[in-house]
Amino acid sequence: MADWYYIGHYGQLGPLTLEQVEELIQGGVIARDTYVWRHGFADWQIAERVGELDGAFQLIDPIIVPPPPPGPRTAPVPQPAIVRPAVGGALYMTANPDLNPATYGVVRSDRSRAVAGLLQVFPGVGRMYLGYWAHGVLQLVFSMCAIGVFWSWIDGLIILAGGVKLDGYGRRLPE
């Protein structure tokens, strides 16, 4: 039964089923300090204090491996630093190119940039598809005068060109 709600970046979201809430926890959308509520609760609860969500949080907890015991004292082998551009044009240095801080821990969206851009032909629909409901409704309301239609079409081109990097839930859109 869909009776779960949570407070996200854009306000209260729901109703959701318990399975959907667990998927959002595993996707990093609902954190331990996120407020949740369902029928039967007197007030909003912090997610980590709700017993029904313990299993979902245990699945995402990292397994901490103790460091290896100290070996004989030898000088570390220096690794060549690799300089790469990060998001926004800044440079960072890393000895391991797999540890790119610009993409570490990014949750990928299940929404498509191309679909959202094409849906913007209909004022606001593409923005609503991405989860930007207020933005989409404004475009829809302003479409009654021609300015909303042009705004929506230009916004669709911006989405298709990659100007929108995240969906309405803070997840990175696929390239």
N, C-alpha and C. Protein backbone atom coordinates (compact mmCIF):
# COMPACT_ATOMS: atom_id res chain seq x y z
N MET A 1 0.84 -1.18 0.00
CA MET A 1 0.00 0.00 0.00
C MET A 1 0.88 1.24 0.00
N ALA A 2 0.57 2.19 -0.83
CA ALA A 2 1.38 3.40 -0.97
C ALA A 2 0.96 4.41 0.08
N ASP A 3 1.64 4.39 1.22
CA ASP A 3 1.29 5.35 2.26
C ASP A 3 2.52 5.98 2.92
N TRP A 4 3.66 5.93 2.25
CA TRP A 4 4.89 6.54 2.78
C TRP A 4 5.11 7.90 2.12
N TYR A 5 5.63 8.85 2.90
CA TYR A 5 5.97 10.18 2.41
C TYR A 5 7.35 10.53 2.94
N TYR A 6 8.06 11.40 2.25
CA TYR A 6 9.34 11.89 2.76
C TYR A 6 9.51 13.34 2.36
N ILE A 7 10.39 14.03 3.11
CA ILE A 7 10.69 15.42 2.82
C ILE A 7 11.98 15.44 2.01
N GLY A 8 11.88 15.84 0.73
CA GLY A 8 13.03 15.89 -0.16
C GLY A 8 13.48 17.33 -0.36
N HIS A 9 14.33 17.52 -1.35
CA HIS A 9 14.84 18.86 -1.65
C HIS A 9 13.74 19.81 -2.09
N TYR A 10 12.67 19.26 -2.64
CA TYR A 10 11.62 20.09 -3.20
C TYR A 10 10.31 19.97 -2.43
N GLY A 11 10.39 19.58 -1.15
CA GLY A 11 9.20 19.50 -0.31
C GLY A 11 8.76 18.07 -0.08
N GLN A 12 7.52 17.95 0.35
CA GLN A 12 6.96 16.65 0.69
C GLN A 12 6.68 15.86 -0.58
N LEU A 13 7.13 14.60 -0.62
CA LEU A 13 6.94 13.75 -1.79
C LEU A 13 6.27 12.45 -1.35
N GLY A 14 5.38 11.94 -2.14
CA GLY A 14 4.68 10.70 -1.85
C GLY A 14 3.28 10.80 -2.39
N PRO A 15 2.48 9.82 -2.24
CA PRO A 15 2.64 8.58 -1.48
C PRO A 15 3.49 7.56 -2.23
N LEU A 16 4.23 6.77 -1.45
CA LEU A 16 5.11 5.75 -2.00
C LEU A 16 4.86 4.44 -1.28
N THR A 17 5.18 3.34 -1.95
CA THR A 17 5.13 2.05 -1.27
C THR A 17 6.43 1.85 -0.50
N LEU A 18 6.44 0.88 0.39
CA LEU A 18 7.65 0.58 1.16
C LEU A 18 8.78 0.17 0.22
N GLU A 19 8.47 -0.56 -0.84
CA GLU A 19 9.50 -0.97 -1.79
C GLU A 19 10.11 0.24 -2.50
N GLN A 20 9.28 1.22 -2.85
CA GLN A 20 9.80 2.43 -3.50
C GLN A 20 10.69 3.22 -2.54
N VAL A 21 10.31 3.28 -1.27
CA VAL A 21 11.13 3.97 -0.28
C VAL A 21 12.48 3.27 -0.14
N GLU A 22 12.47 1.94 -0.11
CA GLU A 22 13.73 1.19 0.00
C GLU A 22 14.62 1.43 -1.22
N GLU A 23 14.02 1.52 -2.41
CA GLU A 23 14.80 1.82 -3.61
C GLU A 23 15.42 3.22 -3.54
N LEU A 24 14.67 4.18 -3.01
CA LEU A 24 15.20 5.54 -2.86
C LEU A 24 16.32 5.59 -1.84
N ILE A 25 16.24 4.76 -0.82
CA ILE A 25 17.33 4.68 0.17
C ILE A 25 18.57 4.11 -0.50
N GLN A 26 18.41 3.05 -1.26
CA GLN A 26 19.55 2.43 -1.94
C GLN A 26 20.12 3.35 -3.00
N GLY A 27 19.29 4.19 -3.61
CA GLY A 27 19.76 5.14 -4.62
C GLY A 27 20.37 6.39 -4.02
N GLY A 28 20.31 6.55 -2.70
CA GLY A 28 20.90 7.71 -2.05
C GLY A 28 19.99 8.93 -2.01
N VAL A 29 18.76 8.79 -2.44
CA VAL A 29 17.83 9.92 -2.43
C VAL A 29 17.33 10.17 -1.01
N ILE A 30 16.99 9.09 -0.30
CA ILE A 30 16.59 9.21 1.10
C ILE A 30 17.78 8.82 1.96
N ALA A 31 18.24 9.76 2.78
CA ALA A 31 19.39 9.52 3.66
C ALA A 31 18.88 9.19 5.06
N ARG A 32 19.81 8.87 5.93
CA ARG A 32 19.45 8.53 7.31
C ARG A 32 18.76 9.69 8.03
N ASP A 33 19.12 10.93 7.69
CA ASP A 33 18.54 12.08 8.39
C ASP A 33 17.33 12.67 7.69
N THR A 34 16.78 11.98 6.68
CA THR A 34 15.59 12.43 5.97
C THR A 34 14.36 12.13 6.82
N TYR A 35 13.42 13.07 6.84
CA TYR A 35 12.19 12.86 7.58
C TYR A 35 11.21 12.06 6.73
N VAL A 36 10.60 11.02 7.34
CA VAL A 36 9.61 10.18 6.68
C VAL A 36 8.35 10.12 7.53
N TRP A 37 7.23 9.77 6.88
CA TRP A 37 5.97 9.63 7.59
C TRP A 37 5.12 8.62 6.85
N ARG A 38 4.32 7.90 7.60
CA ARG A 38 3.31 6.99 7.03
C ARG A 38 2.11 6.98 7.96
N HIS A 39 1.03 6.43 7.46
CA HIS A 39 -0.17 6.32 8.28
C HIS A 39 0.15 5.50 9.52
N GLY A 40 -0.24 5.99 10.66
CA GLY A 40 0.06 5.33 11.93
C GLY A 40 1.11 6.08 12.73
N PHE A 41 1.90 6.94 12.10
CA PHE A 41 2.88 7.76 12.82
C PHE A 41 2.18 8.99 13.36
N ALA A 42 2.53 9.39 14.56
CA ALA A 42 1.96 10.61 15.13
C ALA A 42 2.60 11.85 14.50
N ASP A 43 3.87 11.75 14.14
CA ASP A 43 4.58 12.89 13.58
C ASP A 43 5.67 12.37 12.64
N TRP A 44 6.34 13.27 11.93
CA TRP A 44 7.44 12.90 11.03
C TRP A 44 8.57 12.29 11.85
N GLN A 45 9.20 11.24 11.32
CA GLN A 45 10.29 10.55 11.98
C GLN A 45 11.55 10.64 11.13
N ILE A 46 12.71 10.62 11.77
CA ILE A 46 13.97 10.53 11.04
C ILE A 46 14.09 9.09 10.54
N ALA A 47 14.46 8.92 9.28
CA ALA A 47 14.41 7.62 8.61
C ALA A 47 15.21 6.54 9.35
N GLU A 48 16.36 6.89 9.91
CA GLU A 48 17.17 5.86 10.57
C GLU A 48 16.53 5.35 11.85
N ARG A 49 15.53 6.06 12.38
CA ARG A 49 14.86 5.64 13.61
C ARG A 49 13.62 4.80 13.35
N VAL A 50 13.29 4.59 12.08
CA VAL A 50 12.12 3.79 11.72
C VAL A 50 12.58 2.36 11.52
N GLY A 51 12.05 1.44 12.32
CA GLY A 51 12.47 0.05 12.29
C GLY A 51 12.25 -0.64 10.96
N GLU A 52 11.20 -0.27 10.25
CA GLU A 52 10.89 -0.91 8.97
C GLU A 52 11.93 -0.60 7.89
N LEU A 53 12.71 0.45 8.07
CA LEU A 53 13.70 0.85 7.06
C LEU A 53 15.11 0.38 7.41
N ASP A 54 15.28 -0.30 8.56
CA ASP A 54 16.62 -0.76 8.96
C ASP A 54 17.26 -1.65 7.91
N GLY A 55 16.48 -2.56 7.32
CA GLY A 55 17.03 -3.48 6.32
C GLY A 55 17.60 -2.75 5.11
N ALA A 56 16.92 -1.70 4.68
CA ALA A 56 17.38 -0.94 3.52
C ALA A 56 18.68 -0.20 3.83
N PHE A 57 18.77 0.35 5.04
CA PHE A 57 20.00 1.07 5.42
C PHE A 57 21.16 0.10 5.62
N GLN A 58 20.89 -1.11 6.09
CA GLN A 58 21.96 -2.08 6.26
C GLN A 58 22.54 -2.52 4.92
N LEU A 59 21.71 -2.49 3.86
CA LEU A 59 22.21 -2.87 2.54
C LEU A 59 23.18 -1.86 1.96
N ILE A 60 23.04 -0.58 2.35
CA ILE A 60 23.92 0.44 1.78
C ILE A 60 25.11 0.76 2.66
N ASP A 61 25.13 0.27 3.90
CA ASP A 61 26.26 0.55 4.78
C ASP A 61 27.52 -0.12 4.22
N PRO A 62 28.60 0.62 4.14
CA PRO A 62 29.84 0.02 3.62
C PRO A 62 30.42 -0.99 4.61
N ILE A 63 31.04 -1.99 4.04
CA ILE A 63 31.75 -2.96 4.87
C ILE A 63 33.15 -2.40 5.10
N ILE A 64 33.48 -2.18 6.36
CA ILE A 64 34.77 -1.59 6.69
C ILE A 64 35.79 -2.71 6.87
N VAL A 65 36.79 -2.70 6.02
CA VAL A 65 37.85 -3.69 6.09
C VAL A 65 39.01 -3.08 6.86
N PRO A 66 39.49 -3.76 7.89
CA PRO A 66 40.61 -3.19 8.64
C PRO A 66 41.86 -3.11 7.76
N PRO A 67 42.71 -2.12 8.03
CA PRO A 67 43.93 -2.00 7.22
C PRO A 67 44.86 -3.20 7.47
N PRO A 68 45.70 -3.49 6.50
CA PRO A 68 46.63 -4.61 6.68
C PRO A 68 47.63 -4.28 7.79
N PRO A 69 48.18 -5.32 8.40
CA PRO A 69 49.16 -5.07 9.46
C PRO A 69 50.40 -4.41 8.87
N PRO A 70 51.06 -3.60 9.67
CA PRO A 70 52.26 -2.93 9.15
C PRO A 70 53.34 -3.95 8.79
N GLY A 71 53.95 -3.73 7.66
CA GLY A 71 55.02 -4.61 7.20
C GLY A 71 56.37 -3.99 7.49
N PRO A 72 57.40 -4.52 6.87
CA PRO A 72 58.72 -3.93 7.07
C PRO A 72 58.75 -2.50 6.52
N ARG A 73 59.53 -1.66 7.15
CA ARG A 73 59.63 -0.25 6.75
C ARG A 73 60.38 -0.15 5.43
N THR A 74 59.66 0.27 4.40
CA THR A 74 60.28 0.53 3.11
C THR A 74 59.73 1.86 2.61
N ALA A 75 60.47 2.47 1.76
CA ALA A 75 60.02 3.75 1.19
C ALA A 75 58.90 3.48 0.20
N PRO A 76 57.85 4.30 0.23
CA PRO A 76 56.76 4.08 -0.73
C PRO A 76 57.22 4.38 -2.15
N VAL A 77 56.67 3.63 -3.07
CA VAL A 77 56.99 3.83 -4.47
C VAL A 77 56.14 5.01 -4.97
N PRO A 78 56.77 6.08 -5.44
CA PRO A 78 55.98 7.21 -5.90
C PRO A 78 55.22 6.86 -7.17
N GLN A 79 53.96 7.30 -7.22
CA GLN A 79 53.15 7.08 -8.40
C GLN A 79 53.05 8.38 -9.16
N PRO A 80 53.11 8.32 -10.47
CA PRO A 80 53.02 9.56 -11.24
C PRO A 80 51.64 10.18 -11.08
N ALA A 81 51.63 11.47 -10.89
CA ALA A 81 50.36 12.19 -10.76
C ALA A 81 49.77 12.43 -12.14
N ILE A 82 48.49 12.25 -12.24
CA ILE A 82 47.79 12.48 -13.49
C ILE A 82 46.91 13.70 -13.29
N VAL A 83 47.04 14.66 -14.17
CA VAL A 83 46.26 15.89 -14.08
C VAL A 83 45.13 15.79 -15.09
N ARG A 84 43.90 15.94 -14.60
CA ARG A 84 42.73 15.85 -15.46
C ARG A 84 41.80 17.02 -15.16
N PRO A 85 41.05 17.48 -16.16
CA PRO A 85 40.07 18.52 -15.89
C PRO A 85 38.85 17.93 -15.18
N ALA A 86 38.36 18.62 -14.17
CA ALA A 86 37.17 18.19 -13.45
C ALA A 86 35.97 18.95 -13.99
N VAL A 87 34.83 18.66 -13.44
CA VAL A 87 33.61 19.36 -13.83
C VAL A 87 33.77 20.84 -13.50
N GLY A 88 33.45 21.70 -14.43
CA GLY A 88 33.58 23.14 -14.22
C GLY A 88 34.91 23.68 -14.69
N GLY A 89 35.79 22.86 -15.27
CA GLY A 89 37.04 23.33 -15.83
C GLY A 89 38.19 23.36 -14.85
N ALA A 90 37.97 23.07 -13.56
CA ALA A 90 39.06 23.08 -12.59
C ALA A 90 39.94 21.85 -12.80
N LEU A 91 41.17 21.92 -12.33
CA LEU A 91 42.07 20.79 -12.46
C LEU A 91 42.21 20.10 -11.12
N TYR A 92 42.39 18.81 -11.15
CA TYR A 92 42.69 18.07 -9.95
C TYR A 92 43.78 17.07 -10.28
N MET A 93 44.49 16.63 -9.26
CA MET A 93 45.56 15.66 -9.46
C MET A 93 45.22 14.41 -8.69
N THR A 94 45.47 13.28 -9.29
CA THR A 94 45.25 12.02 -8.61
C THR A 94 46.27 11.02 -9.12
N ALA A 95 46.68 10.13 -8.22
CA ALA A 95 47.59 9.07 -8.62
C ALA A 95 46.81 7.92 -9.25
N ASN A 96 45.54 7.86 -9.00
CA ASN A 96 44.72 6.79 -9.54
C ASN A 96 43.60 7.42 -10.38
N PRO A 97 43.61 7.23 -11.69
CA PRO A 97 42.59 7.87 -12.52
C PRO A 97 41.18 7.34 -12.27
N ASP A 98 41.05 6.17 -11.61
CA ASP A 98 39.72 5.64 -11.32
C ASP A 98 39.04 6.41 -10.20
N LEU A 99 39.79 7.14 -9.39
CA LEU A 99 39.20 7.90 -8.28
C LEU A 99 38.94 9.33 -8.72
N ASN A 100 38.08 9.50 -9.66
CA ASN A 100 37.74 10.81 -10.17
C ASN A 100 36.75 11.47 -9.22
N PRO A 101 37.15 12.53 -8.50
CA PRO A 101 36.23 13.14 -7.53
C PRO A 101 35.04 13.79 -8.18
N ALA A 102 35.09 14.06 -9.47
CA ALA A 102 33.96 14.71 -10.14
C ALA A 102 32.81 13.73 -10.33
N THR A 103 33.08 12.42 -10.38
CA THR A 103 32.02 11.45 -10.62
C THR A 103 31.86 10.46 -9.49
N TYR A 104 32.59 10.59 -8.40
CA TYR A 104 32.53 9.63 -7.30
C TYR A 104 31.20 9.76 -6.57
N GLY A 105 30.50 8.69 -6.40
CA GLY A 105 29.27 8.67 -5.62
C GLY A 105 28.08 9.31 -6.30
N VAL A 106 28.08 9.40 -7.62
CA VAL A 106 26.98 10.03 -8.34
C VAL A 106 25.89 8.99 -8.59
N VAL A 107 24.65 9.35 -8.28
CA VAL A 107 23.52 8.46 -8.53
C VAL A 107 22.96 8.81 -9.90
N ARG A 108 22.82 7.80 -10.75
CA ARG A 108 22.33 8.01 -12.11
C ARG A 108 20.81 8.02 -12.11
N SER A 109 20.24 8.88 -12.93
CA SER A 109 18.79 9.00 -13.05
C SER A 109 18.25 7.95 -14.00
N ASP A 110 17.00 7.57 -13.81
CA ASP A 110 16.35 6.66 -14.74
C ASP A 110 15.63 7.42 -15.85
N ARG A 111 15.72 8.74 -15.82
CA ARG A 111 15.08 9.60 -16.83
C ARG A 111 16.04 9.87 -17.98
N SER A 112 15.49 10.15 -19.16
CA SER A 112 16.29 10.38 -20.35
C SER A 112 16.27 11.86 -20.72
N ARG A 113 17.44 12.40 -20.99
CA ARG A 113 17.55 13.81 -21.42
C ARG A 113 16.84 14.01 -22.76
N ALA A 114 17.00 13.06 -23.68
CA ALA A 114 16.39 13.20 -25.00
C ALA A 114 14.86 13.20 -24.92
N VAL A 115 14.32 12.30 -24.12
CA VAL A 115 12.86 12.25 -23.97
C VAL A 115 12.36 13.55 -23.34
N ALA A 116 13.04 14.03 -22.32
CA ALA A 116 12.62 15.28 -21.67
C ALA A 116 12.66 16.45 -22.64
N GLY A 117 13.73 16.53 -23.44
CA GLY A 117 13.84 17.63 -24.40
C GLY A 117 12.74 17.59 -25.45
N LEU A 118 12.43 16.38 -25.92
CA LEU A 118 11.37 16.27 -26.93
C LEU A 118 9.99 16.52 -26.34
N LEU A 119 9.78 16.13 -25.08
CA LEU A 119 8.49 16.38 -24.44
C LEU A 119 8.24 17.87 -24.21
N GLN A 120 9.29 18.68 -24.25
CA GLN A 120 9.13 20.12 -24.05
C GLN A 120 8.41 20.79 -25.21
N VAL A 121 8.15 20.05 -26.30
CA VAL A 121 7.31 20.58 -27.38
C VAL A 121 5.94 20.93 -26.79
N PHE A 122 5.49 20.12 -25.84
CA PHE A 122 4.26 20.40 -25.10
C PHE A 122 4.67 21.14 -23.83
N PRO A 123 4.25 22.39 -23.67
CA PRO A 123 4.77 23.24 -22.58
C PRO A 123 4.75 22.59 -21.21
N GLY A 124 5.95 22.46 -20.63
CA GLY A 124 6.12 22.00 -19.26
C GLY A 124 6.18 20.51 -19.06
N VAL A 125 5.79 19.72 -20.05
CA VAL A 125 5.71 18.28 -19.87
C VAL A 125 7.09 17.66 -19.65
N GLY A 126 8.09 18.12 -20.38
CA GLY A 126 9.44 17.59 -20.20
C GLY A 126 10.00 17.90 -18.83
N ARG A 127 9.75 19.10 -18.33
CA ARG A 127 10.21 19.47 -16.98
C ARG A 127 9.51 18.62 -15.93
N MET A 128 8.21 18.38 -16.11
CA MET A 128 7.49 17.54 -15.15
C MET A 128 8.02 16.10 -15.21
N TYR A 129 8.36 15.62 -16.41
CA TYR A 129 8.93 14.29 -16.57
C TYR A 129 10.24 14.17 -15.78
N LEU A 130 11.04 15.24 -15.77
CA LEU A 130 12.30 15.22 -15.04
C LEU A 130 12.12 15.38 -13.53
N GLY A 131 10.93 15.79 -13.10
CA GLY A 131 10.69 15.97 -11.67
C GLY A 131 10.68 17.41 -11.23
N TYR A 132 10.80 18.34 -12.17
CA TYR A 132 10.72 19.77 -11.86
C TYR A 132 9.27 20.21 -12.05
N TRP A 133 8.41 19.84 -11.12
CA TRP A 133 6.98 20.04 -11.26
C TRP A 133 6.61 21.52 -11.26
N ALA A 134 7.17 22.30 -10.37
CA ALA A 134 6.82 23.73 -10.31
C ALA A 134 7.21 24.43 -11.61
N HIS A 135 8.39 24.12 -12.10
CA HIS A 135 8.89 24.70 -13.35
C HIS A 135 7.95 24.34 -14.51
N GLY A 136 7.55 23.06 -14.57
CA GLY A 136 6.67 22.60 -15.63
C GLY A 136 5.29 23.23 -15.57
N VAL A 137 4.75 23.35 -14.36
CA VAL A 137 3.42 23.96 -14.21
C VAL A 137 3.47 25.43 -14.61
N LEU A 138 4.54 26.14 -14.24
CA LEU A 138 4.67 27.54 -14.66
C LEU A 138 4.69 27.67 -16.18
N GLN A 139 5.43 26.79 -16.83
CA GLN A 139 5.47 26.83 -18.30
C GLN A 139 4.09 26.54 -18.88
N LEU A 140 3.38 25.61 -18.27
CA LEU A 140 2.04 25.27 -18.74
C LEU A 140 1.08 26.44 -18.56
N VAL A 141 1.14 27.10 -17.41
CA VAL A 141 0.26 28.25 -17.14
C VAL A 141 0.58 29.39 -18.10
N PHE A 142 1.88 29.68 -18.29
CA PHE A 142 2.27 30.77 -19.17
C PHE A 142 2.08 30.43 -20.65
N SER A 143 1.77 29.17 -20.97
CA SER A 143 1.54 28.82 -22.37
C SER A 143 0.21 29.38 -22.87
N MET A 144 -0.63 29.83 -21.94
CA MET A 144 -1.90 30.45 -22.36
C MET A 144 -1.64 31.75 -23.10
N CYS A 145 -0.54 32.43 -22.74
CA CYS A 145 -0.07 33.51 -23.60
C CYS A 145 1.19 32.94 -24.27
N ALA A 146 1.55 33.38 -25.40
CA ALA A 146 2.58 32.75 -26.23
C ALA A 146 3.94 32.66 -25.56
N ILE A 147 4.19 33.45 -24.53
CA ILE A 147 5.53 33.46 -23.93
C ILE A 147 5.90 32.10 -23.33
N GLY A 148 4.92 31.39 -22.76
CA GLY A 148 5.19 30.08 -22.17
C GLY A 148 5.55 29.04 -23.19
N VAL A 149 4.97 29.13 -24.38
CA VAL A 149 5.29 28.17 -25.45
C VAL A 149 6.73 28.34 -25.90
N PHE A 150 7.13 29.60 -26.15
CA PHE A 150 8.51 29.84 -26.57
C PHE A 150 9.49 29.49 -25.47
N TRP A 151 9.14 29.80 -24.22
CA TRP A 151 9.99 29.46 -23.07
C TRP A 151 10.19 27.94 -23.02
N SER A 152 9.11 27.19 -23.20
CA SER A 152 9.19 25.73 -23.15
C SER A 152 10.05 25.18 -24.29
N TRP A 153 9.90 25.72 -25.50
CA TRP A 153 10.69 25.23 -26.64
C TRP A 153 12.17 25.53 -26.45
N ILE A 154 12.49 26.72 -25.98
CA ILE A 154 13.89 27.07 -25.73
C ILE A 154 14.45 26.20 -24.61
N ASP A 155 13.64 25.96 -23.58
CA ASP A 155 14.06 25.09 -22.48
C ASP A 155 14.31 23.67 -22.98
N GLY A 156 13.49 23.19 -23.93
CA GLY A 156 13.70 21.87 -24.52
C GLY A 156 15.04 21.78 -25.24
N LEU A 157 15.40 22.86 -25.96
CA LEU A 157 16.70 22.88 -26.63
C LEU A 157 17.85 22.89 -25.62
N ILE A 158 17.67 23.62 -24.52
CA ILE A 158 18.70 23.64 -23.47
C ILE A 158 18.86 22.26 -22.86
N ILE A 159 17.75 21.57 -22.62
CA ILE A 159 17.82 20.21 -22.06
C ILE A 159 18.53 19.28 -23.03
N LEU A 160 18.16 19.34 -24.31
CA LEU A 160 18.80 18.47 -25.32
C LEU A 160 20.29 18.76 -25.46
N ALA A 161 20.68 20.03 -25.28
CA ALA A 161 22.09 20.40 -25.43
C ALA A 161 22.92 20.04 -24.19
N GLY A 162 22.28 19.56 -23.14
CA GLY A 162 23.02 19.15 -21.94
C GLY A 162 23.11 20.23 -20.89
N GLY A 163 22.31 21.28 -20.99
CA GLY A 163 22.34 22.36 -20.00
C GLY A 163 21.74 21.96 -18.66
N VAL A 164 20.93 20.91 -18.64
CA VAL A 164 20.33 20.40 -17.40
C VAL A 164 21.08 19.12 -17.07
N LYS A 165 21.80 19.12 -15.96
CA LYS A 165 22.64 17.98 -15.59
C LYS A 165 21.96 17.01 -14.64
N LEU A 166 20.99 17.51 -13.82
CA LEU A 166 20.36 16.68 -12.80
C LEU A 166 18.85 16.67 -12.99
N ASP A 167 18.22 15.56 -12.58
CA ASP A 167 16.77 15.56 -12.59
C ASP A 167 16.25 16.23 -11.32
N GLY A 168 14.96 16.26 -11.14
CA GLY A 168 14.37 16.97 -10.00
C GLY A 168 14.66 16.32 -8.66
N TYR A 169 15.24 15.13 -8.65
CA TYR A 169 15.57 14.45 -7.41
C TYR A 169 17.06 14.47 -7.12
N GLY A 170 17.81 15.26 -7.89
CA GLY A 170 19.24 15.40 -7.65
C GLY A 170 20.08 14.28 -8.25
N ARG A 171 19.52 13.47 -9.11
CA ARG A 171 20.28 12.38 -9.73
C ARG A 171 20.80 12.85 -11.09
N ARG A 172 22.01 12.40 -11.46
CA ARG A 172 22.64 12.83 -12.71
C ARG A 172 21.95 12.17 -13.90
N LEU A 173 21.60 13.01 -14.90
CA LEU A 173 21.01 12.52 -16.13
C LEU A 173 22.06 11.81 -16.98
N PRO A 174 21.73 10.70 -17.64
CA PRO A 174 22.71 10.04 -18.51
C PRO A 174 23.06 10.93 -19.69
N GLU A 175 24.28 10.80 -20.18
CA GLU A 175 24.75 11.65 -21.29
C GLU A 175 24.10 11.29 -22.58
